[in-house]
Amino acid sequence: MRKIRTGDEVIVTSGRNKGQRGRVRVNLLERDRVVIEGVNIVKKHIKRGRARQAGIVEVEAALHVSNVRLVSPVDGGIAKVGIRRNADGKNERYDKRNGQTIPRPDAG
């Protein structure tokens, strides 16, 4: 189970985008990276294709998960995420600071 999932609201804690907030759009599990809406915008040079023109476009680049923290849906602060088993025996994420369960994000 991952502590940050697609659809979660996160805040960047280090790097040139420090302090920016956004929703996780893509979670690249095998590379431990996330793409966040409106954060880490870079310019990319693309070659001409059948359906597109060549040029320079701005895209969202991936950030390492260690550089982002989950924003608590309860109080809006930074959440320290832990994993525990609930009454049904399934894993759930919870905020270690206040012990409350973090609900599943609406990815979509």
Protein backbone atom coordinates (compact mmCIF):
# COMPACT_ATOMS: atom_id res chain seq x y z
CA MET A 1 0.00 0.00 0.00
CA ARG A 2 1.28 3.43 -0.93
CA LYS A 3 1.04 6.45 1.33
CA ILE A 4 0.37 8.83 -1.57
CA ARG A 5 -2.23 7.87 -4.16
CA THR A 6 -3.64 9.31 -7.35
CA GLY A 7 -6.15 12.03 -6.47
CA ASP A 8 -4.58 13.01 -3.14
CA GLU A 9 -3.86 16.68 -2.44
CA VAL A 10 -0.16 17.15 -1.69
CA ILE A 11 2.28 19.95 -0.91
CA VAL A 12 5.86 20.11 -2.23
CA THR A 13 8.39 20.22 0.62
CA SER A 14 11.67 20.80 -1.22
CA GLY A 15 13.12 21.99 -4.50
CA ARG A 16 12.27 24.94 -6.70
CA ASN A 17 8.53 24.25 -6.33
CA LYS A 18 8.57 24.25 -2.52
CA GLY A 19 5.25 25.28 -0.98
CA GLN A 20 3.11 24.62 -4.05
CA ARG A 21 -0.03 22.50 -3.67
CA GLY A 22 -1.88 20.34 -6.14
CA ARG A 23 -3.60 17.02 -6.79
CA VAL A 24 -1.64 13.93 -7.80
CA ARG A 25 -2.48 13.26 -11.45
CA VAL A 26 -0.19 10.27 -12.15
CA ASN A 27 1.53 7.95 -9.68
CA LEU A 28 4.61 6.28 -11.19
CA LEU A 29 5.03 3.45 -8.68
CA GLU A 30 8.00 1.71 -10.27
CA ARG A 31 10.03 4.95 -10.29
CA ASP A 32 8.73 6.36 -6.94
CA ARG A 33 7.58 9.54 -8.63
CA VAL A 34 4.34 11.51 -8.89
CA VAL A 35 3.01 14.06 -11.38
CA ILE A 36 1.10 16.90 -9.71
CA GLU A 37 -1.38 19.18 -11.47
CA GLY A 38 0.09 22.64 -12.06
CA VAL A 39 3.41 21.93 -10.31
CA ASN A 40 6.93 21.47 -11.76
CA ILE A 41 6.11 22.91 -15.18
CA VAL A 42 8.96 22.41 -17.67
CA LYS A 43 9.38 23.29 -21.34
CA LYS A 44 9.66 20.33 -23.68
CA HIS A 45 10.71 20.40 -27.34
CA ILE A 46 8.56 18.08 -29.42
CA LYS A 47 9.10 16.86 -32.96
CA ARG A 48 6.46 17.21 -35.64
CA GLY A 49 4.11 14.24 -35.88
CA ARG A 50 1.16 13.32 -38.07
CA ALA A 51 -1.39 15.05 -35.84
CA ARG A 52 0.73 17.76 -34.22
CA GLN A 53 3.11 20.57 -35.00
CA ALA A 54 6.67 20.84 -33.82
CA GLY A 55 7.40 23.35 -31.09
CA ILE A 56 7.99 24.01 -27.45
CA VAL A 57 5.23 22.98 -25.04
CA GLU A 58 4.92 23.27 -21.28
CA VAL A 59 4.25 20.01 -19.44
CA GLU A 60 4.16 18.84 -15.83
CA ALA A 61 7.26 16.84 -14.93
CA ALA A 62 7.41 14.16 -12.25
CA LEU A 63 8.67 14.77 -8.70
CA HIS A 64 10.09 12.17 -6.33
CA VAL A 65 7.62 11.10 -3.64
CA SER A 66 10.10 12.00 -0.90
CA ASN A 67 9.71 15.67 -1.91
CA VAL A 68 5.94 15.79 -1.36
CA ARG A 69 3.73 15.39 1.71
CA LEU A 70 0.05 14.60 1.95
CA VAL A 71 -2.28 17.44 2.96
CA SER A 72 -4.65 16.26 5.68
CA PRO A 73 -8.28 16.29 4.50
CA VAL A 74 -9.38 16.85 8.12
CA ASP A 75 -7.54 20.02 9.13
CA GLY A 76 -5.63 21.07 5.99
CA GLY A 77 -2.20 20.68 7.57
CA ILE A 78 0.58 18.31 6.60
CA ALA A 79 -0.34 14.72 7.46
CA LYS A 80 2.10 12.13 8.71
CA VAL A 81 0.74 8.99 7.07
CA GLY A 82 0.77 5.54 8.64
CA ILE A 83 -0.80 2.23 7.62
CA ARG A 84 -2.84 0.02 9.94
CA ARG A 85 -5.46 -2.72 9.71
CA ASN A 86 -9.09 -1.74 10.20
CA ALA A 87 -11.87 -3.83 11.76
CA ASP A 88 -12.44 -5.71 8.48
CA GLY A 89 -8.78 -6.77 8.34
CA LYS A 90 -7.94 -4.49 5.40
CA ASN A 91 -5.16 -1.95 5.34
CA GLU A 92 -6.08 1.71 5.71
CA ARG A 93 -4.12 4.96 5.78
CA TYR A 94 -4.32 7.11 8.89
CA ASP A 95 -2.86 10.36 10.14
CA LYS A 96 -0.34 9.63 12.88
CA ARG A 97 -0.84 13.06 14.41
CA ASN A 98 -4.51 12.69 15.27
CA GLY A 99 -5.23 8.99 14.63
CA GLN A 100 -8.03 9.63 12.12
CA THR A 101 -8.48 7.54 8.99
CA ILE A 102 -7.58 9.21 5.68
CA PRO A 103 -10.40 8.54 3.19
CA ARG A 104 -9.70 7.17 -0.29
CA PRO A 105 -9.28 9.96 -2.84
CA ASP A 106 -11.76 10.38 -5.68
CA ALA A 107 -9.51 9.69 -8.64
CA GLY A 108 -11.36 11.14 -11.56
